[in-house]
Amino acid sequence: MRSAWFGLMSVVALSGCYVHARSEPAYVETTAAPVEYNTYPATFYEGHNVYWVGNRWGWHDGDHWRYYDHEPVELRRHREAYVHRAPDRHEERREEHREDHRR
């Protein structure tokens, strides 16, 4: 049995396979939420609304704002399918603001 296990591990090691596992996505916590975060693209994930703000997914949690340290696969797929197709309302507002100041 021991030699079978060693043989299997040798094949895996020589094949270049590896496993990288995380039990859950890591997040960073801050005390200030982005201004008007609820106007940004959003979806429901892990029991709460998450918002695509500043090129990362974040959410409001009580007195804190949290964002994922690494983008979870499910959220990346959602962003690629929906977020980049949607018009950028914030860019439209910035352009309107620029035009107002030019007048």
C-alpha atoms as a PDB file:
ATOM      1  CA  MET A   1       0.000   0.000   0.000  1.00  0.00           C
ATOM      2  CA  ARG A   2       2.791   2.388   0.880  1.00  0.00           C
ATOM      3  CA  SER A   3       4.579   1.781  -2.426  1.00  0.00           C
ATOM      4  CA  ALA A   4       1.331   2.370  -4.337  1.00  0.00           C
ATOM      5  CA  TRP A   5       0.876   5.734  -2.586  1.00  0.00           C
ATOM      6  CA  PHE A   6       4.492   6.690  -3.293  1.00  0.00           C
ATOM      7  CA  GLY A   7       4.082   5.700  -6.942  1.00  0.00           C
ATOM      8  CA  LEU A   8       0.931   7.768  -7.301  1.00  0.00           C
ATOM      9  CA  MET A   9       2.592  10.813  -5.705  1.00  0.00           C
ATOM     10  CA  SER A  10       5.597  10.410  -8.020  1.00  0.00           C
ATOM     11  CA  VAL A  11       3.348  10.450 -11.088  1.00  0.00           C
ATOM     12  CA  VAL A  12       1.498  13.524  -9.821  1.00  0.00           C
ATOM     13  CA  ALA A  13       4.751  15.323  -8.981  1.00  0.00           C
ATOM     14  CA  LEU A  14       6.313  14.540 -12.338  1.00  0.00           C
ATOM     15  CA  SER A  15       3.209  15.600 -14.265  1.00  0.00           C
ATOM     16  CA  GLY A  16       3.458  19.160 -12.971  1.00  0.00           C
ATOM     17  CA  CYS A  17       0.039  19.040 -11.311  1.00  0.00           C
ATOM     18  CA  TYR A  18      -0.619  21.039  -8.209  1.00  0.00           C
ATOM     19  CA  VAL A  19      -3.564  22.021  -6.078  1.00  0.00           C
ATOM     20  CA  HIS A  20      -4.295  25.513  -4.858  1.00  0.00           C
ATOM     21  CA  ALA A  21      -7.275  25.593  -2.535  1.00  0.00           C
ATOM     22  CA  ARG A  22      -8.942  28.320  -0.525  1.00  0.00           C
ATOM     23  CA  SER A  23     -11.729  27.660   1.902  1.00  0.00           C
ATOM     24  CA  GLU A  24     -13.353  31.035   1.202  1.00  0.00           C
ATOM     25  CA  PRO A  25     -12.476  34.270  -0.571  1.00  0.00           C
ATOM     26  CA  ALA A  26     -10.364  36.628   1.535  1.00  0.00           C
ATOM     27  CA  TYR A  27     -11.589  40.178   2.029  1.00  0.00           C
ATOM     28  CA  VAL A  28     -10.299  43.519   3.225  1.00  0.00           C
ATOM     29  CA  GLU A  29     -12.307  45.647   5.634  1.00  0.00           C
ATOM     30  CA  THR A  30     -12.436  49.458   5.791  1.00  0.00           C
ATOM     31  CA  THR A  31     -14.596  51.898   7.716  1.00  0.00           C
ATOM     32  CA  ALA A  32     -15.674  54.114   4.804  1.00  0.00           C
ATOM     33  CA  ALA A  33     -17.909  52.990   1.963  1.00  0.00           C
ATOM     34  CA  PRO A  34     -17.393  54.504  -1.499  1.00  0.00           C
ATOM     35  CA  VAL A  35     -19.660  57.448  -2.286  1.00  0.00           C
ATOM     36  CA  GLU A  36     -22.940  56.322  -3.873  1.00  0.00           C
ATOM     37  CA  TYR A  37     -21.776  52.689  -3.963  1.00  0.00           C
ATOM     38  CA  ASN A  38     -25.361  51.538  -4.475  1.00  0.00           C
ATOM     39  CA  THR A  39     -25.452  53.202  -7.921  1.00  0.00           C
ATOM     40  CA  TYR A  40     -22.699  50.931  -9.268  1.00  0.00           C
ATOM     41  CA  PRO A  41     -23.285  47.569 -11.016  1.00  0.00           C
ATOM     42  CA  ALA A  42     -24.405  44.992  -8.466  1.00  0.00           C
ATOM     43  CA  THR A  43     -25.374  41.378  -7.992  1.00  0.00           C
ATOM     44  CA  PHE A  44     -26.326  39.089  -5.120  1.00  0.00           C
ATOM     45  CA  TYR A  45     -23.496  36.858  -3.842  1.00  0.00           C
ATOM     46  CA  GLU A  46     -22.931  34.910  -0.602  1.00  0.00           C
ATOM     47  CA  GLY A  47     -26.084  36.270   1.023  1.00  0.00           C
ATOM     48  CA  HIS A  48     -25.609  39.983   0.298  1.00  0.00           C
ATOM     49  CA  ASN A  49     -25.506  42.536  -2.504  1.00  0.00           C
ATOM     50  CA  VAL A  50     -22.028  43.160  -3.886  1.00  0.00           C
ATOM     51  CA  TYR A  51     -21.068  46.176  -5.979  1.00  0.00           C
ATOM     52  CA  TRP A  52     -18.421  46.564  -8.702  1.00  0.00           C
ATOM     53  CA  VAL A  53     -16.645  49.722  -7.475  1.00  0.00           C
ATOM     54  CA  GLY A  54     -13.090  50.738  -8.312  1.00  0.00           C
ATOM     55  CA  ASN A  55     -12.390  47.522 -10.243  1.00  0.00           C
ATOM     56  CA  ARG A  56     -13.260  45.241  -7.348  1.00  0.00           C
ATOM     57  CA  TRP A  57     -16.323  43.737  -5.696  1.00  0.00           C
ATOM     58  CA  GLY A  58     -17.352  45.156  -2.333  1.00  0.00           C
ATOM     59  CA  TRP A  59     -20.280  45.250   0.050  1.00  0.00           C
ATOM     60  CA  HIS A  60     -21.599  47.221   2.989  1.00  0.00           C
ATOM     61  CA  ASP A  61     -21.604  45.281   6.250  1.00  0.00           C
ATOM     62  CA  GLY A  62     -22.909  47.220   9.222  1.00  0.00           C
ATOM     63  CA  ASP A  63     -20.435  50.026   9.937  1.00  0.00           C
ATOM     64  CA  HIS A  64     -17.863  48.615   7.531  1.00  0.00           C
ATOM     65  CA  TRP A  65     -17.169  48.376   3.833  1.00  0.00           C
ATOM     66  CA  ARG A  66     -15.584  45.124   2.729  1.00  0.00           C
ATOM     67  CA  TYR A  67     -14.127  44.093  -0.589  1.00  0.00           C
ATOM     68  CA  TYR A  68     -12.677  40.843  -1.876  1.00  0.00           C
ATOM     69  CA  ASP A  69      -8.900  40.601  -1.912  1.00  0.00           C
ATOM     70  CA  HIS A  70      -9.157  38.383  -5.017  1.00  0.00           C
ATOM     71  CA  GLU A  71     -12.144  38.368  -7.321  1.00  0.00           C
ATOM     72  CA  PRO A  72     -14.193  35.174  -6.799  1.00  0.00           C
ATOM     73  CA  VAL A  73     -14.667  33.148  -9.986  1.00  0.00           C
ATOM     74  CA  GLU A  74     -18.465  33.485  -9.919  1.00  0.00           C
ATOM     75  CA  LEU A  75     -18.226  37.279  -9.684  1.00  0.00           C
ATOM     76  CA  ARG A  76     -15.637  37.447 -12.455  1.00  0.00           C
ATOM     77  CA  ARG A  77     -17.980  35.488 -14.711  1.00  0.00           C
ATOM     78  CA  HIS A  78     -20.853  37.814 -13.838  1.00  0.00           C
ATOM     79  CA  ARG A  79     -18.700  40.888 -14.500  1.00  0.00           C
ATOM     80  CA  GLU A  80     -17.496  39.582 -17.847  1.00  0.00           C
ATOM     81  CA  ALA A  81     -21.032  38.710 -18.949  1.00  0.00           C
ATOM     82  CA  TYR A  82     -22.977  41.706 -17.658  1.00  0.00           C
ATOM     83  CA  VAL A  83     -21.003  44.547 -16.126  1.00  0.00           C
ATOM     84  CA  HIS A  84     -18.854  45.479 -19.108  1.00  0.00           C
ATOM     85  CA  ARG A  85     -21.885  45.397 -21.402  1.00  0.00           C
ATOM     86  CA  ALA A  86     -23.806  47.908 -19.312  1.00  0.00           C
ATOM     87  CA  PRO A  87     -23.409  51.641 -19.962  1.00  0.00           C
ATOM     88  CA  ASP A  88     -21.160  53.417 -17.498  1.00  0.00           C
ATOM     89  CA  ARG A  89     -23.558  55.790 -15.743  1.00  0.00           C
ATOM     90  CA  HIS A  90     -20.726  57.310 -13.748  1.00  0.00           C
ATOM     91  CA  GLU A  91     -18.806  58.198 -16.913  1.00  0.00           C
ATOM     92  CA  GLU A  92     -21.997  59.746 -18.309  1.00  0.00           C
ATOM     93  CA  ARG A  93     -22.355  61.856 -15.137  1.00  0.00           C
ATOM     94  CA  ARG A  94     -18.717  62.985 -15.324  1.00  0.00           C
ATOM     95  CA  GLU A  95     -19.224  64.041 -18.952  1.00  0.00           C
ATOM     96  CA  GLU A  96     -22.406  65.953 -18.059  1.00  0.00           C
ATOM     97  CA  HIS A  97     -20.510  67.652 -15.238  1.00  0.00           C
ATOM     98  CA  ARG A  98     -17.699  68.651 -17.633  1.00  0.00           C
ATOM     99  CA  GLU A  99     -20.199  70.055 -20.123  1.00  0.00           C
ATOM    100  CA  ASP A 100     -21.949  72.076 -17.395  1.00  0.00           C
ATOM    101  CA  HIS A 101     -18.640  73.679 -16.426  1.00  0.00           C
ATOM    102  CA  ARG A 102     -17.769  74.498 -20.043  1.00  0.00           C
ATOM    103  CA  ARG A 103     -20.927  76.582 -20.492  1.00  0.00           C
END
